[in-house]
């Protein structure tokens, strides 16, 4: 079977940029988050004890059904075809045992970034679309202030909180050797060097990427979320310095969550800075 790998990690941490770069290679298929992860979870649940016919589903049958999701979505040129697929979803880090049972040679590239800058980036998008009511939040109370928005997004089942919890679970797991954490700042500041490390990690022949003209957008999806520009990359890849728009206490609170910069007691592979402080110029 041809290669399949996964892109996961934190939101607003470079997964769209990485996909935009990888898809320059005609051998690769990569994009923003696909529906495969959600279908995968729903299918697992449907084959569980809540289904009265689950006794007929042994591991071999379950495996074939789950593999069929990937084959069906990516078609004849994807999984099992001539192209290498990179499926993106933040939930893959919470499903590593199942993923590696299906695809033992698969690698998971986890895009990470100081969580303070993750939330800063989300907050900028919300303010940029100030005349729209973002579907990222569930109520006016959640949308009310930067503090209520932070509290909502950090819940364990929500955009940032879920991604952090899933990443931390995988980081300390037995499956961690299949992971490569890639810091956003390093990808943006030194894209070709970082890509070479990724190619080496997935054992793929090098392709000469053009980091001066990188383009990708999923405008229809972003309009549906009422957060325009969330999945858009265009132009030269570079690290742009800026000041945070977060209150100092929120910035400090979120920065403390960057566990991978302080604790390297993991078997995961790391392309990250050792100090969270260097991410303040993202």
C-alpha atoms as a PDB file:
ATOM      1  CA  UNK A   1       0.000   0.000   0.000  1.00  0.00           C
ATOM      2  CA  UNK A   2       1.236   3.484  -0.853  1.00  0.00           C
ATOM      3  CA  UNK A   3       2.118   5.908   1.949  1.00  0.00           C
ATOM      4  CA  UNK A   4      -0.356   7.745   4.093  1.00  0.00           C
ATOM      5  CA  UNK A   5       0.706  10.167   6.790  1.00  0.00           C
ATOM      6  CA  UNK A   6      -1.192  12.514   9.075  1.00  0.00           C
ATOM      7  CA  UNK A   7      -0.997  16.188  10.017  1.00  0.00           C
ATOM      8  CA  UNK A   8      -2.288  17.068  13.467  1.00  0.00           C
ATOM      9  CA  UNK A   9      -1.404  19.262  16.446  1.00  0.00           C
ATOM     10  CA  UNK A  10      -2.688  22.703  17.371  1.00  0.00           C
ATOM     11  CA  UNK A  11      -4.910  25.104  15.405  1.00  0.00           C
ATOM     12  CA  UNK A  12      -3.317  28.266  13.987  1.00  0.00           C
ATOM     13  CA  UNK A  13       0.080  26.527  14.221  1.00  0.00           C
ATOM     14  CA  UNK A  14       0.997  26.061  10.574  1.00  0.00           C
ATOM     15  CA  UNK A  15      -0.947  23.011   9.374  1.00  0.00           C
ATOM     16  CA  UNK A  16      -2.475  24.936   6.459  1.00  0.00           C
ATOM     17  CA  UNK A  17       0.935  26.402   5.582  1.00  0.00           C
ATOM     18  CA  UNK A  18       2.543  22.961   5.752  1.00  0.00           C
ATOM     19  CA  UNK A  19      -0.174  21.457   3.560  1.00  0.00           C
ATOM     20  CA  UNK A  20       0.206  24.303   1.062  1.00  0.00           C
ATOM     21  CA  UNK A  21       3.929  23.581   0.848  1.00  0.00           C
ATOM     22  CA  UNK A  22       3.592  19.805   0.635  1.00  0.00           C
ATOM     23  CA  UNK A  23       0.966  19.943  -2.110  1.00  0.00           C
ATOM     24  CA  UNK A  24       3.522  21.639  -4.372  1.00  0.00           C
ATOM     25  CA  UNK A  25       4.999  18.159  -4.732  1.00  0.00           C
ATOM     26  CA  UNK A  26       2.932  16.359  -7.419  1.00  0.00           C
ATOM     27  CA  UNK A  27       3.435  13.071  -5.530  1.00  0.00           C
ATOM     28  CA  UNK A  28       1.701  14.439  -2.425  1.00  0.00           C
ATOM     29  CA  UNK A  29      -1.942  15.095  -1.617  1.00  0.00           C
ATOM     30  CA  UNK A  30      -2.478  17.506   1.276  1.00  0.00           C
ATOM     31  CA  UNK A  31      -5.103  20.081   2.278  1.00  0.00           C
ATOM     32  CA  UNK A  32      -6.871  21.571   5.282  1.00  0.00           C
ATOM     33  CA  UNK A  33      -8.718  19.313   7.744  1.00  0.00           C
ATOM     34  CA  UNK A  34     -10.677  16.614   5.933  1.00  0.00           C
ATOM     35  CA  UNK A  35     -13.925  14.920   7.018  1.00  0.00           C
ATOM     36  CA  UNK A  36     -12.132  11.556   7.292  1.00  0.00           C
ATOM     37  CA  UNK A  37     -11.409  11.949  11.026  1.00  0.00           C
ATOM     38  CA  UNK A  38     -15.058  12.607  11.896  1.00  0.00           C
ATOM     39  CA  UNK A  39     -16.276   9.690   9.787  1.00  0.00           C
ATOM     40  CA  UNK A  40     -13.579   7.487  11.341  1.00  0.00           C
ATOM     41  CA  UNK A  41     -14.769   8.333  14.866  1.00  0.00           C
ATOM     42  CA  UNK A  42     -18.425   7.838  13.964  1.00  0.00           C
ATOM     43  CA  UNK A  43     -17.657   4.475  12.370  1.00  0.00           C
ATOM     44  CA  UNK A  44     -15.693   3.293  15.405  1.00  0.00           C
ATOM     45  CA  UNK A  45     -18.615   4.221  17.640  1.00  0.00           C
ATOM     46  CA  UNK A  46     -21.089   2.487  15.317  1.00  0.00           C
ATOM     47  CA  UNK A  47     -19.076  -0.733  15.560  1.00  0.00           C
ATOM     48  CA  UNK A  48     -18.961  -0.580  19.369  1.00  0.00           C
ATOM     49  CA  UNK A  49     -21.108  -2.261  22.044  1.00  0.00           C
ATOM     50  CA  UNK A  50     -24.016   0.088  21.338  1.00  0.00           C
ATOM     51  CA  UNK A  51     -24.544  -1.851  18.118  1.00  0.00           C
ATOM     52  CA  UNK A  52     -26.371  -5.145  18.780  1.00  0.00           C
ATOM     53  CA  UNK A  53     -24.575  -6.705  15.791  1.00  0.00           C
ATOM     54  CA  UNK A  54     -21.087  -5.764  17.003  1.00  0.00           C
ATOM     55  CA  UNK A  55     -20.382  -9.410  17.895  1.00  0.00           C
ATOM     56  CA  UNK A  56     -20.174 -10.109  14.148  1.00  0.00           C
ATOM     57  CA  UNK A  57     -17.413  -7.523  13.733  1.00  0.00           C
ATOM     58  CA  UNK A  58     -14.050  -9.055  14.535  1.00  0.00           C
ATOM     59  CA  UNK A  59     -10.853  -7.002  14.338  1.00  0.00           C
ATOM     60  CA  UNK A  60     -10.170  -7.976  10.724  1.00  0.00           C
ATOM     61  CA  UNK A  61     -13.616  -6.763   9.610  1.00  0.00           C
ATOM     62  CA  UNK A  62     -13.303  -3.554  11.614  1.00  0.00           C
ATOM     63  CA  UNK A  63      -9.924  -2.907  10.037  1.00  0.00           C
ATOM     64  CA  UNK A  64     -11.270  -3.363   6.501  1.00  0.00           C
ATOM     65  CA  UNK A  65     -14.266  -1.113   7.169  1.00  0.00           C
ATOM     66  CA  UNK A  66     -12.035   1.654   8.560  1.00  0.00           C
ATOM     67  CA  UNK A  67      -9.541   1.278   5.715  1.00  0.00           C
ATOM     68  CA  UNK A  68     -12.452   1.635   3.314  1.00  0.00           C
ATOM     69  CA  UNK A  69     -13.079   5.162   4.619  1.00  0.00           C
ATOM     70  CA  UNK A  70      -9.625   6.259   3.475  1.00  0.00           C
ATOM     71  CA  UNK A  71      -9.836   4.445   0.143  1.00  0.00           C
ATOM     72  CA  UNK A  72     -13.290   5.831  -0.525  1.00  0.00           C
ATOM     73  CA  UNK A  73     -12.379   9.430   0.275  1.00  0.00           C
ATOM     74  CA  UNK A  74      -9.011   9.619  -1.474  1.00  0.00           C
ATOM     75  CA  UNK A  75      -9.923   7.457  -4.452  1.00  0.00           C
ATOM     76  CA  UNK A  76      -7.760   5.339  -6.705  1.00  0.00           C
ATOM     77  CA  UNK A  77      -4.833   7.777  -6.754  1.00  0.00           C
ATOM     78  CA  UNK A  78      -4.674   8.183  -2.988  1.00  0.00           C
ATOM     79  CA  UNK A  79      -4.378   5.469  -0.343  1.00  0.00           C
ATOM     80  CA  UNK A  80      -3.271   2.366  -2.195  1.00  0.00           C
ATOM     81  CA  UNK A  81      -2.571   4.455  -5.320  1.00  0.00           C
ATOM     82  CA  UNK A  82       0.444   6.307  -6.651  1.00  0.00           C
ATOM     83  CA  UNK A  83       0.304   9.382  -4.399  1.00  0.00           C
ATOM     84  CA  UNK A  84       1.271   9.947  -0.782  1.00  0.00           C
ATOM     85  CA  UNK A  85      -1.676  11.249   1.233  1.00  0.00           C
ATOM     86  CA  UNK A  86      -1.403  13.619   4.200  1.00  0.00           C
ATOM     87  CA  UNK A  87      -4.734  13.675   6.013  1.00  0.00           C
ATOM     88  CA  UNK A  88      -5.166  16.604   8.383  1.00  0.00           C
ATOM     89  CA  UNK A  89      -7.213  16.524  11.561  1.00  0.00           C
ATOM     90  CA  UNK A  90      -6.515  17.578  15.162  1.00  0.00           C
ATOM     91  CA  UNK A  91      -8.145  14.394  16.452  1.00  0.00           C
ATOM     92  CA  UNK A  92      -5.511  12.033  15.014  1.00  0.00           C
ATOM     93  CA  UNK A  93      -3.254  12.531  18.042  1.00  0.00           C
ATOM     94  CA  UNK A  94      -6.035  11.078  20.202  1.00  0.00           C
ATOM     95  CA  UNK A  95      -6.352   8.058  17.887  1.00  0.00           C
ATOM     96  CA  UNK A  96      -2.695   7.079  17.461  1.00  0.00           C
ATOM     97  CA  UNK A  97      -3.100   3.427  18.568  1.00  0.00           C
ATOM     98  CA  UNK A  98      -5.896   2.899  16.023  1.00  0.00           C
ATOM     99  CA  UNK A  99      -4.085   4.839  13.278  1.00  0.00           C
ATOM    100  CA  UNK A 100      -0.918   2.786  13.673  1.00  0.00           C
ATOM    101  CA  UNK A 101      -2.891  -0.456  13.802  1.00  0.00           C
ATOM    102  CA  UNK A 102      -4.223   0.401  10.338  1.00  0.00           C
ATOM    103  CA  UNK A 103      -1.071   2.029   8.967  1.00  0.00           C
ATOM    104  CA  UNK A 104       1.996   0.789  10.882  1.00  0.00           C
ATOM    105  CA  UNK A 105       4.401   2.862   8.762  1.00  0.00           C
ATOM    106  CA  UNK A 106       2.420   6.105   9.028  1.00  0.00           C
ATOM    107  CA  UNK A 107       3.931   9.233  10.555  1.00  0.00           C
ATOM    108  CA  UNK A 108       2.071  12.043  12.313  1.00  0.00           C
ATOM    109  CA  UNK A 109       3.396  15.566  11.819  1.00  0.00           C
ATOM    110  CA  UNK A 110       2.163  17.720  14.691  1.00  0.00           C
ATOM    111  CA  UNK A 111       2.192  21.461  14.112  1.00  0.00           C
ATOM    112  CA  UNK A 112       2.784  23.318  17.368  1.00  0.00           C
ATOM    113  CA  UNK A 113       3.085  26.921  18.477  1.00  0.00           C
ATOM    114  CA  UNK A 114       3.169  28.777  21.771  1.00  0.00           C
ATOM    115  CA  UNK A 115      -0.535  28.579  22.770  1.00  0.00           C
ATOM    116  CA  UNK A 116      -0.479  32.303  23.556  1.00  0.00           C
ATOM    117  CA  UNK A 117       0.200  32.990  19.886  1.00  0.00           C
ATOM    118  CA  UNK A 118      -2.380  30.381  18.857  1.00  0.00           C
ATOM    119  CA  UNK A 119      -5.042  32.294  20.762  1.00  0.00           C
ATOM    120  CA  UNK A 120      -3.626  35.628  19.583  1.00  0.00           C
ATOM    121  CA  UNK A 121      -4.027  34.428  15.995  1.00  0.00           C
ATOM    122  CA  UNK A 122      -7.607  33.299  16.639  1.00  0.00           C
ATOM    123  CA  UNK A 123      -8.422  36.593  18.333  1.00  0.00           C
ATOM    124  CA  UNK A 124      -7.067  38.530  15.360  1.00  0.00           C
ATOM    125  CA  UNK A 125      -9.291  36.546  13.002  1.00  0.00           C
ATOM    126  CA  UNK A 126     -12.352  37.219  15.178  1.00  0.00           C
ATOM    127  CA  UNK A 127     -11.616  40.951  15.276  1.00  0.00           C
ATOM    128  CA  UNK A 128     -10.847  41.068  11.551  1.00  0.00           C
ATOM    129  CA  UNK A 129     -14.332  39.639  10.942  1.00  0.00           C
ATOM    130  CA  UNK A 130     -15.942  41.957  13.492  1.00  0.00           C
ATOM    131  CA  UNK A 131     -19.204  42.326  11.551  1.00  0.00           C
ATOM    132  CA  UNK A 132     -19.759  38.558  11.414  1.00  0.00           C
ATOM    133  CA  UNK A 133     -20.988  36.305  14.226  1.00  0.00           C
ATOM    134  CA  UNK A 134     -18.394  33.530  14.316  1.00  0.00           C
ATOM    135  CA  UNK A 135     -19.642  29.951  14.607  1.00  0.00           C
ATOM    136  CA  UNK A 136     -16.495  29.107  16.581  1.00  0.00           C
ATOM    137  CA  UNK A 137     -18.449  30.215  19.681  1.00  0.00           C
ATOM    138  CA  UNK A 138     -21.758  28.819  20.882  1.00  0.00           C
ATOM    139  CA  UNK A 139     -23.389  31.872  22.454  1.00  0.00           C
ATOM    140  CA  UNK A 140     -23.222  35.624  22.922  1.00  0.00           C
ATOM    141  CA  UNK A 141     -21.873  34.996  26.426  1.00  0.00           C
ATOM    142  CA  UNK A 142     -18.883  33.131  24.974  1.00  0.00           C
ATOM    143  CA  UNK A 143     -18.292  35.855  22.386  1.00  0.00           C
ATOM    144  CA  UNK A 144     -18.607  38.697  24.909  1.00  0.00           C
ATOM    145  CA  UNK A 145     -14.960  39.515  25.780  1.00  0.00           C
ATOM    146  CA  UNK A 146     -11.457  38.279  25.111  1.00  0.00           C
ATOM    147  CA  UNK A 147     -11.613  36.505  28.490  1.00  0.00           C
ATOM    148  CA  UNK A 148     -14.863  34.664  27.768  1.00  0.00           C
ATOM    149  CA  UNK A 149     -13.549  33.736  24.317  1.00  0.00           C
ATOM    150  CA  UNK A 150     -10.349  32.377  25.882  1.00  0.00           C
ATOM    151  CA  UNK A 151     -12.306  30.381  28.468  1.00  0.00           C
ATOM    152  CA  UNK A 152     -14.542  28.887  25.773  1.00  0.00           C
ATOM    153  CA  UNK A 153     -11.722  27.864  23.431  1.00  0.00           C
ATOM    154  CA  UNK A 154      -9.724  26.290  26.264  1.00  0.00           C
ATOM    155  CA  UNK A 155     -12.461  23.872  27.330  1.00  0.00           C
ATOM    156  CA  UNK A 156     -11.335  20.261  26.887  1.00  0.00           C
ATOM    157  CA  UNK A 157     -13.859  19.657  24.112  1.00  0.00           C
ATOM    158  CA  UNK A 158     -13.219  22.890  22.211  1.00  0.00           C
ATOM    159  CA  UNK A 159     -10.854  24.207  19.557  1.00  0.00           C
ATOM    160  CA  UNK A 160      -7.648  24.839  21.541  1.00  0.00           C
ATOM    161  CA  UNK A 161      -8.298  22.844  24.717  1.00  0.00           C
ATOM    162  CA  UNK A 162      -9.100  19.628  22.852  1.00  0.00           C
ATOM    163  CA  UNK A 163      -6.089  19.935  20.556  1.00  0.00           C
ATOM    164  CA  UNK A 164      -3.747  20.530  23.506  1.00  0.00           C
ATOM    165  CA  UNK A 165      -5.129  17.553  25.452  1.00  0.00           C
ATOM    166  CA  UNK A 166      -4.905  15.224  22.448  1.00  0.00           C
ATOM    167  CA  UNK A 167      -1.359  16.378  21.675  1.00  0.00           C
ATOM    168  CA  UNK A 168      -0.250  15.864  25.276  1.00  0.00           C
ATOM    169  CA  UNK A 169      -1.763  12.378  25.357  1.00  0.00           C
ATOM    170  CA  UNK A 170       0.178  11.369  22.243  1.00  0.00           C
ATOM    171  CA  UNK A 171       3.387  13.133  23.334  1.00  0.00           C
ATOM    172  CA  UNK A 172       3.797  10.829  26.348  1.00  0.00           C
ATOM    173  CA  UNK A 173       2.346   7.676  24.755  1.00  0.00           C
ATOM    174  CA  UNK A 174       3.984   4.477  23.524  1.00  0.00           C
ATOM    175  CA  UNK A 175       3.152   5.627  19.983  1.00  0.00           C
ATOM    176  CA  UNK A 176       5.174   8.864  20.321  1.00  0.00           C
ATOM    177  CA  UNK A 177       8.033   7.660  18.042  1.00  0.00           C
ATOM    178  CA  UNK A 178       5.623   8.027  15.093  1.00  0.00           C
ATOM    179  CA  UNK A 179       5.248  11.770  15.859  1.00  0.00           C
ATOM    180  CA  UNK A 180       7.251  14.757  14.660  1.00  0.00           C
ATOM    181  CA  UNK A 181       6.455  18.058  16.415  1.00  0.00           C
ATOM    182  CA  UNK A 182       7.153  21.026  14.123  1.00  0.00           C
ATOM    183  CA  UNK A 183       7.197  24.523  15.569  1.00  0.00           C
ATOM    184  CA  UNK A 184       5.399  27.208  13.554  1.00  0.00           C
ATOM    185  CA  UNK A 185       8.168  29.772  13.993  1.00  0.00           C
ATOM    186  CA  UNK A 186      10.805  27.432  12.604  1.00  0.00           C
ATOM    187  CA  UNK A 187       8.588  26.421   9.675  1.00  0.00           C
ATOM    188  CA  UNK A 188       7.893  30.080   8.817  1.00  0.00           C
ATOM    189  CA  UNK A 189      11.454  31.353   9.348  1.00  0.00           C
ATOM    190  CA  UNK A 190      13.333  28.397   7.830  1.00  0.00           C
ATOM    191  CA  UNK A 191      10.839  26.569   5.615  1.00  0.00           C
ATOM    192  CA  UNK A 192      13.234  24.650   3.389  1.00  0.00           C
ATOM    193  CA  UNK A 193      15.360  23.387   6.275  1.00  0.00           C
ATOM    194  CA  UNK A 194      12.233  22.331   8.144  1.00  0.00           C
ATOM    195  CA  UNK A 195      10.782  20.617   5.077  1.00  0.00           C
ATOM    196  CA  UNK A 196      14.012  18.655   4.608  1.00  0.00           C
ATOM    197  CA  UNK A 197      13.662  17.336   8.161  1.00  0.00           C
ATOM    198  CA  UNK A 198      10.061  16.355   7.444  1.00  0.00           C
ATOM    199  CA  UNK A 199      11.059  14.572   4.229  1.00  0.00           C
ATOM    200  CA  UNK A 200      13.749  12.706   6.145  1.00  0.00           C
ATOM    201  CA  UNK A 201      11.242  11.748   8.845  1.00  0.00           C
ATOM    202  CA  UNK A 202       8.775  10.267   6.351  1.00  0.00           C
ATOM    203  CA  UNK A 203      11.605   8.801   4.232  1.00  0.00           C
ATOM    204  CA  UNK A 204      10.538  10.532   1.019  1.00  0.00           C
ATOM    205  CA  UNK A 205      12.764  11.741  -1.863  1.00  0.00           C
ATOM    206  CA  UNK A 206      13.329  15.494  -1.802  1.00  0.00           C
ATOM    207  CA  UNK A 207      11.308  17.843  -4.001  1.00  0.00           C
ATOM    208  CA  UNK A 208      12.473  21.395  -4.657  1.00  0.00           C
ATOM    209  CA  UNK A 209       9.770  23.606  -3.135  1.00  0.00           C
ATOM    210  CA  UNK A 210       9.108  27.239  -4.016  1.00  0.00           C
ATOM    211  CA  UNK A 211       8.799  29.113  -0.718  1.00  0.00           C
ATOM    212  CA  UNK A 212       8.479  32.469  -2.501  1.00  0.00           C
ATOM    213  CA  UNK A 213       5.040  31.748  -3.933  1.00  0.00           C
ATOM    214  CA  UNK A 214       2.899  29.470  -1.760  1.00  0.00           C
ATOM    215  CA  UNK A 215      -0.853  29.520  -2.305  1.00  0.00           C
ATOM    216  CA  UNK A 216      -3.786  27.665  -0.801  1.00  0.00           C
ATOM    217  CA  UNK A 217      -7.285  28.681   0.316  1.00  0.00           C
ATOM    218  CA  UNK A 218     -10.523  27.107   1.480  1.00  0.00           C
ATOM    219  CA  UNK A 219     -12.732  30.170   1.354  1.00  0.00           C
ATOM    220  CA  UNK A 220     -16.066  28.313   1.224  1.00  0.00           C
ATOM    221  CA  UNK A 221     -15.302  26.459   4.449  1.00  0.00           C
ATOM    222  CA  UNK A 222     -14.158  29.667   6.165  1.00  0.00           C
ATOM    223  CA  UNK A 223     -17.311  31.517   5.096  1.00  0.00           C
ATOM    224  CA  UNK A 224     -19.377  28.713   6.602  1.00  0.00           C
ATOM    225  CA  UNK A 225     -17.577  29.228   9.936  1.00  0.00           C
ATOM    226  CA  UNK A 226     -17.957  33.007   9.541  1.00  0.00           C
ATOM    227  CA  UNK A 227     -14.187  33.345  10.058  1.00  0.00           C
ATOM    228  CA  UNK A 228     -12.911  34.446   6.667  1.00  0.00           C
ATOM    229  CA  UNK A 229      -9.200  33.977   6.034  1.00  0.00           C
ATOM    230  CA  UNK A 230      -8.792  31.136   8.537  1.00  0.00           C
ATOM    231  CA  UNK A 231      -7.407  28.747   5.911  1.00  0.00           C
ATOM    232  CA  UNK A 232      -5.605  30.986   3.455  1.00  0.00           C
ATOM    233  CA  UNK A 233      -1.922  31.049   2.515  1.00  0.00           C
ATOM    234  CA  UNK A 234      -0.499  33.277  -0.201  1.00  0.00           C
ATOM    235  CA  UNK A 235       2.878  34.682  -1.101  1.00  0.00           C
ATOM    236  CA  UNK A 236       6.326  34.241   0.405  1.00  0.00           C
ATOM    237  CA  UNK A 237       6.861  32.092   3.498  1.00  0.00           C
ATOM    238  CA  UNK A 238       8.442  34.257   6.183  1.00  0.00           C
ATOM    239  CA  UNK A 239       8.176  34.959   9.887  1.00  0.00           C
ATOM    240  CA  UNK A 240       6.558  38.340  10.488  1.00  0.00           C
ATOM    241  CA  UNK A 241       7.153  40.012  13.827  1.00  0.00           C
ATOM    242  CA  UNK A 242       4.232  41.624  15.596  1.00  0.00           C
ATOM    243  CA  UNK A 243       2.982  42.652  19.020  1.00  0.00           C
ATOM    244  CA  UNK A 244       0.376  40.533  20.735  1.00  0.00           C
ATOM    245  CA  UNK A 245      -3.134  41.935  21.072  1.00  0.00           C
ATOM    246  CA  UNK A 246      -3.805  39.870  24.212  1.00  0.00           C
ATOM    247  CA  UNK A 247      -3.842  41.314  27.730  1.00  0.00           C
ATOM    248  CA  UNK A 248      -0.554  40.419  29.500  1.00  0.00           C
ATOM    249  CA  UNK A 249      -2.186  38.076  32.006  1.00  0.00           C
ATOM    250  CA  UNK A 250      -3.868  36.032  29.265  1.00  0.00           C
ATOM    251  CA  UNK A 251      -0.665  35.851  27.226  1.00  0.00           C
ATOM    252  CA  UNK A 252       1.297  34.586  30.229  1.00  0.00           C
ATOM    253  CA  UNK A 253      -1.434  32.091  31.139  1.00  0.00           C
ATOM    254  CA  UNK A 254      -1.489  30.556  27.654  1.00  0.00           C
ATOM    255  CA  UNK A 255       2.318  30.497  27.274  1.00  0.00           C
ATOM    256  CA  UNK A 256       2.601  28.277  30.340  1.00  0.00           C
ATOM    257  CA  UNK A 257       0.807  25.525  28.389  1.00  0.00           C
ATOM    258  CA  UNK A 258       3.672  24.960  25.913  1.00  0.00           C
ATOM    259  CA  UNK A 259       4.790  21.754  27.651  1.00  0.00           C
ATOM    260  CA  UNK A 260       6.878  20.500  24.706  1.00  0.00           C
ATOM    261  CA  UNK A 261       9.372  23.385  25.066  1.00  0.00           C
ATOM    262  CA  UNK A 262      10.177  22.452  28.657  1.00  0.00           C
ATOM    263  CA  UNK A 263       9.703  18.698  28.979  1.00  0.00           C
ATOM    264  CA  UNK A 264      11.524  16.559  26.429  1.00  0.00           C
ATOM    265  CA  UNK A 265      10.807  13.342  28.340  1.00  0.00           C
ATOM    266  CA  UNK A 266       9.206  11.829  25.262  1.00  0.00           C
ATOM    267  CA  UNK A 267      10.093   9.506  22.424  1.00  0.00           C
ATOM    268  CA  UNK A 268       8.530  11.881  19.912  1.00  0.00           C
ATOM    269  CA  UNK A 269      10.780  13.635  17.404  1.00  0.00           C
ATOM    270  CA  UNK A 270      11.062  17.394  17.884  1.00  0.00           C
ATOM    271  CA  UNK A 271      11.723  20.354  15.599  1.00  0.00           C
ATOM    272  CA  UNK A 272      10.982  22.953  18.264  1.00  0.00           C
ATOM    273  CA  UNK A 273      12.790  25.655  20.261  1.00  0.00           C
ATOM    274  CA  UNK A 274      13.790  24.726  23.793  1.00  0.00           C
ATOM    275  CA  UNK A 275      12.416  27.907  25.375  1.00  0.00           C
ATOM    276  CA  UNK A 276       8.905  29.275  25.032  1.00  0.00           C
ATOM    277  CA  UNK A 277      10.377  32.761  25.206  1.00  0.00           C
ATOM    278  CA  UNK A 278      11.640  32.641  21.620  1.00  0.00           C
ATOM    279  CA  UNK A 279       8.079  32.402  20.316  1.00  0.00           C
ATOM    280  CA  UNK A 280       7.081  35.873  21.470  1.00  0.00           C
ATOM    281  CA  UNK A 281       8.070  37.392  18.103  1.00  0.00           C
ATOM    282  CA  UNK A 282       5.783  35.103  16.040  1.00  0.00           C
END
